[in-house]
Amino acid sequence: MDGTLRSREARCEGDGGLAIAMMAIFMVVLLAFVGFAVDIGLLYNERRQEQSAADTAALAAIQDETWNDQVDTVFDVVNASGDAVFTEADWNDDAKCPVSEIPVGYTPAAQTAFDAVAHPGRTEIIDTQCIASQGLLGSRSFKIWVRVPTVEVDTVFAGLVGVNSMRSSAMATAGWGKIVEENNVLPFAVSGTPTANGGSACLLDPPPGLAVETCTGPSAGNFGTQLLFRGT
């Protein structure tokens, strides 16, 4: 009987050591999951900021009247909206702006000039696959597509298993066009002379010195023009 009790006590002591080992392994695995959750949270926060920058840049650029201005607007808005500051080299880097991600039917940017006064730090013309367009400026339908250049987000805990960084980017599209259905009614009226090729009318004439396109009247305000097309 005494031998049997000693045998059981020995097995219990052995089980205690196994439990400690299993607990240690479990704690390591748990800490690894917590670490990955922190890194994923950092990546998500970076992705959220980049998406906000892409959305804002696309909406701002679609209001510009020339392609050069649109590229300048995207460049400025993206740099002002997120933590990362992109240089001309970043926008011109094929690895950060892969041509394979441009949507079908869109043409990549090919800027020919920029305003050196408005952009004193600029030294290069941006020729990038991160900005693309569909349609023609001044036509009945135009869209602009913006992709924030790829960012390498450093990890905090994943580096322990060899993952030192994760890649992040964001895309956005903005556009405008005519109303498709003939019977739709807009909640405002604009006077002007529409033509088959497109005309324009002043929403409100600006004061002298602030004219936009054909708007040169003396009335207060500066709301630009509204493109008008004759229905077919």
C-alpha atoms as a PDB file:
ATOM      1  CA  MET A   1       0.000   0.000   0.000  1.00  0.00           C
ATOM      2  CA  ASP A   2       2.805   2.376   0.937  1.00  0.00           C
ATOM      3  CA  GLY A   3       4.499   1.741  -2.423  1.00  0.00           C
ATOM      4  CA  THR A   4       1.286   2.520  -4.306  1.00  0.00           C
ATOM      5  CA  LEU A   5       0.892   5.892  -2.527  1.00  0.00           C
ATOM      6  CA  ARG A   6       4.458   6.882  -3.278  1.00  0.00           C
ATOM      7  CA  SER A   7       3.878   6.019  -6.958  1.00  0.00           C
ATOM      8  CA  ARG A   8       0.754   8.206  -7.132  1.00  0.00           C
ATOM      9  CA  GLU A   9       2.552  11.116  -5.439  1.00  0.00           C
ATOM     10  CA  ALA A  10       5.370  10.886  -7.983  1.00  0.00           C
ATOM     11  CA  ARG A  11       2.881  10.995 -10.882  1.00  0.00           C
ATOM     12  CA  CYS A  12       1.183  14.055  -9.367  1.00  0.00           C
ATOM     13  CA  GLU A  13       4.510  15.847  -9.033  1.00  0.00           C
ATOM     14  CA  GLY A  14       5.201  15.058 -12.697  1.00  0.00           C
ATOM     15  CA  ASP A  15       1.783  16.405 -13.766  1.00  0.00           C
ATOM     16  CA  GLY A  16       2.502  19.654 -11.911  1.00  0.00           C
ATOM     17  CA  GLY A  17       5.623  20.252 -13.983  1.00  0.00           C
ATOM     18  CA  LEU A  18       3.730  19.556 -17.199  1.00  0.00           C
ATOM     19  CA  ALA A  19       1.008  22.039 -16.249  1.00  0.00           C
ATOM     20  CA  ILE A  20       3.605  24.761 -15.664  1.00  0.00           C
ATOM     21  CA  ALA A  21       5.173  24.063 -19.058  1.00  0.00           C
ATOM     22  CA  MET A  22       1.798  24.141 -20.806  1.00  0.00           C
ATOM     23  CA  MET A  23       0.896  27.375 -19.023  1.00  0.00           C
ATOM     24  CA  ALA A  24       4.152  28.963 -20.190  1.00  0.00           C
ATOM     25  CA  ILE A  25       3.470  27.925 -23.789  1.00  0.00           C
ATOM     26  CA  PHE A  26      -0.092  29.241 -23.546  1.00  0.00           C
ATOM     27  CA  MET A  27       1.167  32.608 -22.237  1.00  0.00           C
ATOM     28  CA  VAL A  28       3.643  32.909 -25.115  1.00  0.00           C
ATOM     29  CA  VAL A  29       0.903  32.195 -27.660  1.00  0.00           C
ATOM     30  CA  LEU A  30      -1.456  34.651 -25.929  1.00  0.00           C
ATOM     31  CA  LEU A  31       1.183  37.400 -25.940  1.00  0.00           C
ATOM     32  CA  ALA A  32       1.832  36.716 -29.630  1.00  0.00           C
ATOM     33  CA  PHE A  33      -1.871  37.205 -30.441  1.00  0.00           C
ATOM     34  CA  VAL A  34      -1.962  40.410 -28.371  1.00  0.00           C
ATOM     35  CA  GLY A  35       1.124  41.660 -30.205  1.00  0.00           C
ATOM     36  CA  PHE A  36      -0.385  40.935 -33.609  1.00  0.00           C
ATOM     37  CA  ALA A  37      -3.604  42.688 -32.528  1.00  0.00           C
ATOM     38  CA  VAL A  38      -1.581  45.816 -31.663  1.00  0.00           C
ATOM     39  CA  ASP A  39       0.207  45.738 -35.021  1.00  0.00           C
ATOM     40  CA  ILE A  40      -3.044  45.215 -36.924  1.00  0.00           C
ATOM     41  CA  GLY A  41      -4.507  48.165 -35.015  1.00  0.00           C
ATOM     42  CA  LEU A  42      -1.589  50.362 -36.097  1.00  0.00           C
ATOM     43  CA  LEU A  43      -2.044  49.220 -39.694  1.00  0.00           C
ATOM     44  CA  TYR A  44      -5.788  49.898 -39.554  1.00  0.00           C
ATOM     45  CA  ASN A  45      -5.193  53.408 -38.185  1.00  0.00           C
ATOM     46  CA  GLU A  46      -2.731  54.164 -40.997  1.00  0.00           C
ATOM     47  CA  ARG A  47      -5.158  52.746 -43.558  1.00  0.00           C
ATOM     48  CA  ARG A  48      -7.998  54.886 -42.169  1.00  0.00           C
ATOM     49  CA  GLN A  49      -5.922  58.069 -42.470  1.00  0.00           C
ATOM     50  CA  GLU A  50      -4.863  57.185 -46.008  1.00  0.00           C
ATOM     51  CA  GLN A  51      -8.468  56.511 -47.033  1.00  0.00           C
ATOM     52  CA  SER A  52      -9.530  59.885 -45.650  1.00  0.00           C
ATOM     53  CA  ALA A  53      -6.680  61.545 -47.572  1.00  0.00           C
ATOM     54  CA  ALA A  54      -7.609  59.749 -50.814  1.00  0.00           C
ATOM     55  CA  ASP A  55     -11.310  60.663 -50.490  1.00  0.00           C
ATOM     56  CA  THR A  56     -10.548  64.318 -49.755  1.00  0.00           C
ATOM     57  CA  ALA A  57      -8.001  64.578 -52.572  1.00  0.00           C
ATOM     58  CA  ALA A  58     -10.333  63.064 -55.170  1.00  0.00           C
ATOM     59  CA  LEU A  59     -13.225  65.356 -54.203  1.00  0.00           C
ATOM     60  CA  ALA A  60     -10.963  68.423 -54.255  1.00  0.00           C
ATOM     61  CA  ALA A  61      -9.251  67.582 -57.549  1.00  0.00           C
ATOM     62  CA  ILE A  62     -12.467  66.905 -59.467  1.00  0.00           C
ATOM     63  CA  GLN A  63     -13.287  70.626 -59.121  1.00  0.00           C
ATOM     64  CA  ASP A  64     -10.108  71.789 -60.903  1.00  0.00           C
ATOM     65  CA  GLU A  65     -10.286  72.760 -64.555  1.00  0.00           C
ATOM     66  CA  THR A  66      -6.921  71.453 -65.812  1.00  0.00           C
ATOM     67  CA  TRP A  67      -5.109  68.175 -65.411  1.00  0.00           C
ATOM     68  CA  ASN A  68      -1.975  69.898 -64.065  1.00  0.00           C
ATOM     69  CA  ASP A  69      -4.053  71.595 -61.356  1.00  0.00           C
ATOM     70  CA  GLN A  70      -5.731  68.322 -60.455  1.00  0.00           C
ATOM     71  CA  VAL A  71      -2.383  66.588 -59.942  1.00  0.00           C
ATOM     72  CA  ASP A  72      -1.130  69.510 -57.833  1.00  0.00           C
ATOM     73  CA  THR A  73      -4.309  69.373 -55.733  1.00  0.00           C
ATOM     74  CA  VAL A  74      -3.976  65.636 -55.084  1.00  0.00           C
ATOM     75  CA  PHE A  75      -0.314  66.081 -54.158  1.00  0.00           C
ATOM     76  CA  ASP A  76      -1.057  68.885 -51.677  1.00  0.00           C
ATOM     77  CA  VAL A  77      -4.215  67.422 -50.125  1.00  0.00           C
ATOM     78  CA  VAL A  78      -2.753  63.950 -49.546  1.00  0.00           C
ATOM     79  CA  ASN A  79       0.346  65.409 -47.889  1.00  0.00           C
ATOM     80  CA  ALA A  80      -1.789  67.682 -45.696  1.00  0.00           C
ATOM     81  CA  SER A  81      -4.296  64.989 -44.691  1.00  0.00           C
ATOM     82  CA  GLY A  82      -2.147  62.097 -43.449  1.00  0.00           C
ATOM     83  CA  ASP A  83       0.897  61.433 -41.286  1.00  0.00           C
ATOM     84  CA  ALA A  84       3.087  60.423 -44.234  1.00  0.00           C
ATOM     85  CA  VAL A  85       4.552  63.149 -46.455  1.00  0.00           C
ATOM     86  CA  PHE A  86       5.150  61.997 -50.017  1.00  0.00           C
ATOM     87  CA  THR A  87       7.793  63.498 -52.272  1.00  0.00           C
ATOM     88  CA  GLU A  88       7.767  63.711 -56.057  1.00  0.00           C
ATOM     89  CA  ALA A  89       9.933  60.581 -56.049  1.00  0.00           C
ATOM     90  CA  ASP A  90       7.237  58.667 -54.118  1.00  0.00           C
ATOM     91  CA  TRP A  91       4.553  59.592 -56.654  1.00  0.00           C
ATOM     92  CA  ASN A  92       6.885  58.719 -59.527  1.00  0.00           C
ATOM     93  CA  ASP A  93       7.912  55.366 -58.002  1.00  0.00           C
ATOM     94  CA  ASP A  94       6.366  52.462 -59.939  1.00  0.00           C
ATOM     95  CA  ALA A  95       6.722  50.196 -56.901  1.00  0.00           C
ATOM     96  CA  LYS A  96       4.576  52.512 -54.778  1.00  0.00           C
ATOM     97  CA  CYS A  97       2.154  53.277 -57.620  1.00  0.00           C
ATOM     98  CA  PRO A  98       1.872  50.026 -59.634  1.00  0.00           C
ATOM     99  CA  VAL A  99       0.265  50.448 -63.030  1.00  0.00           C
ATOM    100  CA  SER A 100      -1.538  47.122 -62.577  1.00  0.00           C
ATOM    101  CA  GLU A 101      -3.899  48.708 -60.026  1.00  0.00           C
ATOM    102  CA  ILE A 102      -5.228  51.432 -62.343  1.00  0.00           C
ATOM    103  CA  PRO A 103      -8.915  50.678 -63.048  1.00  0.00           C
ATOM    104  CA  VAL A 104      -9.819  49.547 -66.550  1.00  0.00           C
ATOM    105  CA  GLY A 105     -10.665  52.502 -68.785  1.00  0.00           C
ATOM    106  CA  TYR A 106      -8.597  55.036 -66.827  1.00  0.00           C
ATOM    107  CA  THR A 107      -5.519  56.866 -68.146  1.00  0.00           C
ATOM    108  CA  PRO A 108      -2.600  57.584 -65.761  1.00  0.00           C
ATOM    109  CA  ALA A 109      -1.466  61.134 -65.064  1.00  0.00           C
ATOM    110  CA  ALA A 110       1.140  62.816 -67.233  1.00  0.00           C
ATOM    111  CA  GLN A 111       1.653  66.266 -65.732  1.00  0.00           C
ATOM    112  CA  THR A 112       3.358  68.771 -68.027  1.00  0.00           C
ATOM    113  CA  ALA A 113       3.836  71.656 -65.581  1.00  0.00           C
ATOM    114  CA  PHE A 114       3.199  72.839 -62.031  1.00  0.00           C
ATOM    115  CA  ASP A 115       2.881  76.187 -60.317  1.00  0.00           C
ATOM    116  CA  ALA A 116       6.346  76.882 -58.861  1.00  0.00           C
ATOM    117  CA  VAL A 117       4.990  79.832 -56.849  1.00  0.00           C
ATOM    118  CA  ALA A 118       2.243  77.768 -55.224  1.00  0.00           C
ATOM    119  CA  HIS A 119       4.618  74.830 -54.680  1.00  0.00           C
ATOM    120  CA  PRO A 120       8.010  76.323 -53.710  1.00  0.00           C
ATOM    121  CA  GLY A 121       9.328  72.973 -52.533  1.00  0.00           C
ATOM    122  CA  ARG A 122       8.568  71.170 -55.766  1.00  0.00           C
ATOM    123  CA  THR A 123      11.425  70.296 -58.087  1.00  0.00           C
ATOM    124  CA  GLU A 124       9.885  67.619 -60.317  1.00  0.00           C
ATOM    125  CA  ILE A 125       6.838  67.180 -62.505  1.00  0.00           C
ATOM    126  CA  ILE A 126       4.633  64.372 -61.229  1.00  0.00           C
ATOM    127  CA  ASP A 127       4.142  61.609 -63.781  1.00  0.00           C
ATOM    128  CA  THR A 128       2.448  58.882 -61.799  1.00  0.00           C
ATOM    129  CA  GLN A 129       0.242  55.820 -61.946  1.00  0.00           C
ATOM    130  CA  CYS A 130      -1.317  56.858 -58.601  1.00  0.00           C
ATOM    131  CA  ILE A 131      -3.595  59.393 -60.304  1.00  0.00           C
ATOM    132  CA  ALA A 132      -5.716  58.514 -63.331  1.00  0.00           C
ATOM    133  CA  SER A 133      -8.758  59.826 -65.157  1.00  0.00           C
ATOM    134  CA  GLN A 134     -11.630  58.623 -67.288  1.00  0.00           C
ATOM    135  CA  GLY A 135     -13.275  60.917 -69.837  1.00  0.00           C
ATOM    136  CA  LEU A 136     -12.343  64.426 -70.936  1.00  0.00           C
ATOM    137  CA  LEU A 137     -12.348  67.600 -68.879  1.00  0.00           C
ATOM    138  CA  GLY A 138     -15.343  69.710 -69.862  1.00  0.00           C
ATOM    139  CA  SER A 139     -17.205  66.716 -71.266  1.00  0.00           C
ATOM    140  CA  ARG A 140     -20.497  65.322 -70.016  1.00  0.00           C
ATOM    141  CA  SER A 141     -18.777  62.765 -67.817  1.00  0.00           C
ATOM    142  CA  PHE A 142     -15.412  62.849 -66.078  1.00  0.00           C
ATOM    143  CA  LYS A 143     -13.889  60.798 -63.251  1.00  0.00           C
ATOM    144  CA  ILE A 144     -10.631  60.974 -61.360  1.00  0.00           C
ATOM    145  CA  TRP A 145      -9.047  58.058 -59.486  1.00  0.00           C
ATOM    146  CA  VAL A 146      -6.540  58.594 -56.673  1.00  0.00           C
ATOM    147  CA  ARG A 147      -4.302  56.037 -54.996  1.00  0.00           C
ATOM    148  CA  VAL A 148      -2.144  56.990 -52.028  1.00  0.00           C
ATOM    149  CA  PRO A 149       1.421  55.708 -52.637  1.00  0.00           C
ATOM    150  CA  THR A 150       2.204  52.532 -50.733  1.00  0.00           C
ATOM    151  CA  VAL A 151       3.476  53.045 -47.182  1.00  0.00           C
ATOM    152  CA  GLU A 152       5.551  50.594 -45.138  1.00  0.00           C
ATOM    153  CA  VAL A 153       4.118  50.523 -41.610  1.00  0.00           C
ATOM    154  CA  ASP A 154       6.674  49.342 -39.037  1.00  0.00           C
ATOM    155  CA  THR A 155       5.458  46.639 -36.670  1.00  0.00           C
ATOM    156  CA  VAL A 156       5.960  46.544 -32.907  1.00  0.00           C
ATOM    157  CA  PHE A 157       5.628  42.877 -32.009  1.00  0.00           C
ATOM    158  CA  ALA A 158       5.424  41.041 -35.339  1.00  0.00           C
ATOM    159  CA  GLY A 159       9.124  41.718 -35.856  1.00  0.00           C
ATOM    160  CA  LEU A 160       9.812  38.997 -33.282  1.00  0.00           C
ATOM    161  CA  VAL A 161       8.672  36.449 -35.867  1.00  0.00           C
ATOM    162  CA  GLY A 162      10.339  38.129 -38.813  1.00  0.00           C
ATOM    163  CA  VAL A 163       7.522  40.478 -39.959  1.00  0.00           C
ATOM    164  CA  ASN A 164       9.165  43.896 -39.626  1.00  0.00           C
ATOM    165  CA  SER A 165       6.638  45.927 -41.633  1.00  0.00           C
ATOM    166  CA  MET A 166       3.278  45.755 -43.398  1.00  0.00           C
ATOM    167  CA  ARG A 167       2.203  47.576 -46.542  1.00  0.00           C
ATOM    168  CA  SER A 168      -0.744  49.954 -46.673  1.00  0.00           C
ATOM    169  CA  SER A 169      -2.483  52.135 -49.253  1.00  0.00           C
ATOM    170  CA  ALA A 170      -5.935  53.485 -50.130  1.00  0.00           C
ATOM    171  CA  MET A 171      -7.906  54.427 -53.241  1.00  0.00           C
ATOM    172  CA  ALA A 172     -10.799  56.760 -54.034  1.00  0.00           C
ATOM    173  CA  THR A 173     -12.772  57.851 -57.097  1.00  0.00           C
ATOM    174  CA  ALA A 174     -14.744  61.045 -57.686  1.00  0.00           C
ATOM    175  CA  GLY A 175     -16.643  62.149 -60.757  1.00  0.00           C
ATOM    176  CA  TRP A 176     -19.479  64.126 -62.245  1.00  0.00           C
ATOM    177  CA  GLY A 177     -21.780  63.666 -65.191  1.00  0.00           C
ATOM    178  CA  LYS A 178     -25.149  64.327 -66.690  1.00  0.00           C
ATOM    179  CA  ILE A 179     -28.453  63.031 -65.363  1.00  0.00           C
ATOM    180  CA  VAL A 180     -29.260  59.840 -67.208  1.00  0.00           C
ATOM    181  CA  GLU A 181     -33.035  59.902 -67.035  1.00  0.00           C
ATOM    182  CA  GLU A 182     -34.804  62.617 -69.023  1.00  0.00           C
ATOM    183  CA  ASN A 183     -37.528  63.337 -66.458  1.00  0.00           C
ATOM    184  CA  ASN A 184     -35.258  64.065 -63.491  1.00  0.00           C
ATOM    185  CA  VAL A 185     -35.555  67.598 -62.064  1.00  0.00           C
ATOM    186  CA  LEU A 186     -32.834  69.442 -60.166  1.00  0.00           C
ATOM    187  CA  PRO A 187     -33.947  71.552 -57.154  1.00  0.00           C
ATOM    188  CA  PHE A 188     -32.633  74.800 -58.676  1.00  0.00           C
ATOM    189  CA  ALA A 189     -32.764  76.702 -61.944  1.00  0.00           C
ATOM    190  CA  VAL A 190     -29.867  78.021 -64.055  1.00  0.00           C
ATOM    191  CA  SER A 191     -30.326  80.386 -66.968  1.00  0.00           C
ATOM    192  CA  GLY A 192     -28.061  79.984 -69.951  1.00  0.00           C
ATOM    193  CA  THR A 193     -27.822  78.836 -73.528  1.00  0.00           C
ATOM    194  CA  PRO A 194     -27.114  75.135 -73.805  1.00  0.00           C
ATOM    195  CA  THR A 195     -25.498  73.805 -76.963  1.00  0.00           C
ATOM    196  CA  ALA A 196     -24.864  70.393 -78.400  1.00  0.00           C
ATOM    197  CA  ASN A 197     -21.166  70.679 -77.529  1.00  0.00           C
ATOM    198  CA  GLY A 198     -21.711  72.207 -74.129  1.00  0.00           C
ATOM    199  CA  GLY A 199     -22.075  75.739 -72.854  1.00  0.00           C
ATOM    200  CA  SER A 200     -21.724  77.415 -69.482  1.00  0.00           C
ATOM    201  CA  ALA A 201     -23.734  79.748 -67.266  1.00  0.00           C
ATOM    202  CA  CYS A 202     -22.709  81.809 -64.228  1.00  0.00           C
ATOM    203  CA  LEU A 203     -24.178  80.536 -60.967  1.00  0.00           C
ATOM    204  CA  LEU A 204     -23.384  83.954 -59.473  1.00  0.00           C
ATOM    205  CA  ASP A 205     -21.169  86.623 -61.011  1.00  0.00           C
ATOM    206  CA  PRO A 206     -18.045  87.473 -58.989  1.00  0.00           C
ATOM    207  CA  PRO A 207     -16.826  90.990 -58.225  1.00  0.00           C
ATOM    208  CA  PRO A 208     -14.226  92.488 -60.580  1.00  0.00           C
ATOM    209  CA  GLY A 209     -10.859  90.775 -60.382  1.00  0.00           C
ATOM    210  CA  LEU A 210     -12.305  87.440 -59.289  1.00  0.00           C
ATOM    211  CA  ALA A 211     -13.792  86.291 -62.566  1.00  0.00           C
ATOM    212  CA  VAL A 212     -14.109  82.572 -63.243  1.00  0.00           C
ATOM    213  CA  GLU A 213     -14.334  81.610 -66.910  1.00  0.00           C
ATOM    214  CA  THR A 214     -17.183  83.646 -68.446  1.00  0.00           C
ATOM    215  CA  CYS A 215     -18.406  85.135 -65.155  1.00  0.00           C
ATOM    216  CA  THR A 216     -17.367  88.798 -65.112  1.00  0.00           C
ATOM    217  CA  GLY A 217     -20.384  90.623 -63.685  1.00  0.00           C
ATOM    218  CA  PRO A 218     -20.441  92.996 -60.694  1.00  0.00           C
ATOM    219  CA  SER A 219     -22.610  90.890 -58.359  1.00  0.00           C
ATOM    220  CA  ALA A 220     -21.142  89.568 -55.110  1.00  0.00           C
ATOM    221  CA  GLY A 221     -20.049  85.951 -54.883  1.00  0.00           C
ATOM    222  CA  ASN A 222     -17.775  83.680 -56.853  1.00  0.00           C
ATOM    223  CA  PHE A 223     -19.391  80.331 -57.436  1.00  0.00           C
ATOM    224  CA  GLY A 224     -17.991  79.586 -60.874  1.00  0.00           C
ATOM    225  CA  THR A 225     -19.957  78.163 -63.754  1.00  0.00           C
ATOM    226  CA  GLN A 226     -22.375  75.354 -64.496  1.00  0.00           C
ATOM    227  CA  LEU A 227     -21.839  73.327 -67.644  1.00  0.00           C
ATOM    228  CA  LEU A 228     -24.999  73.080 -69.786  1.00  0.00           C
ATOM    229  CA  PHE A 229     -25.777  70.516 -72.493  1.00  0.00           C
ATOM    230  CA  ARG A 230     -28.746  70.284 -74.768  1.00  0.00           C
ATOM    231  CA  GLY A 231     -30.656  67.028 -74.417  1.00  0.00           C
ATOM    232  CA  THR A 232     -30.619  64.597 -77.320  1.00  0.00           C
END
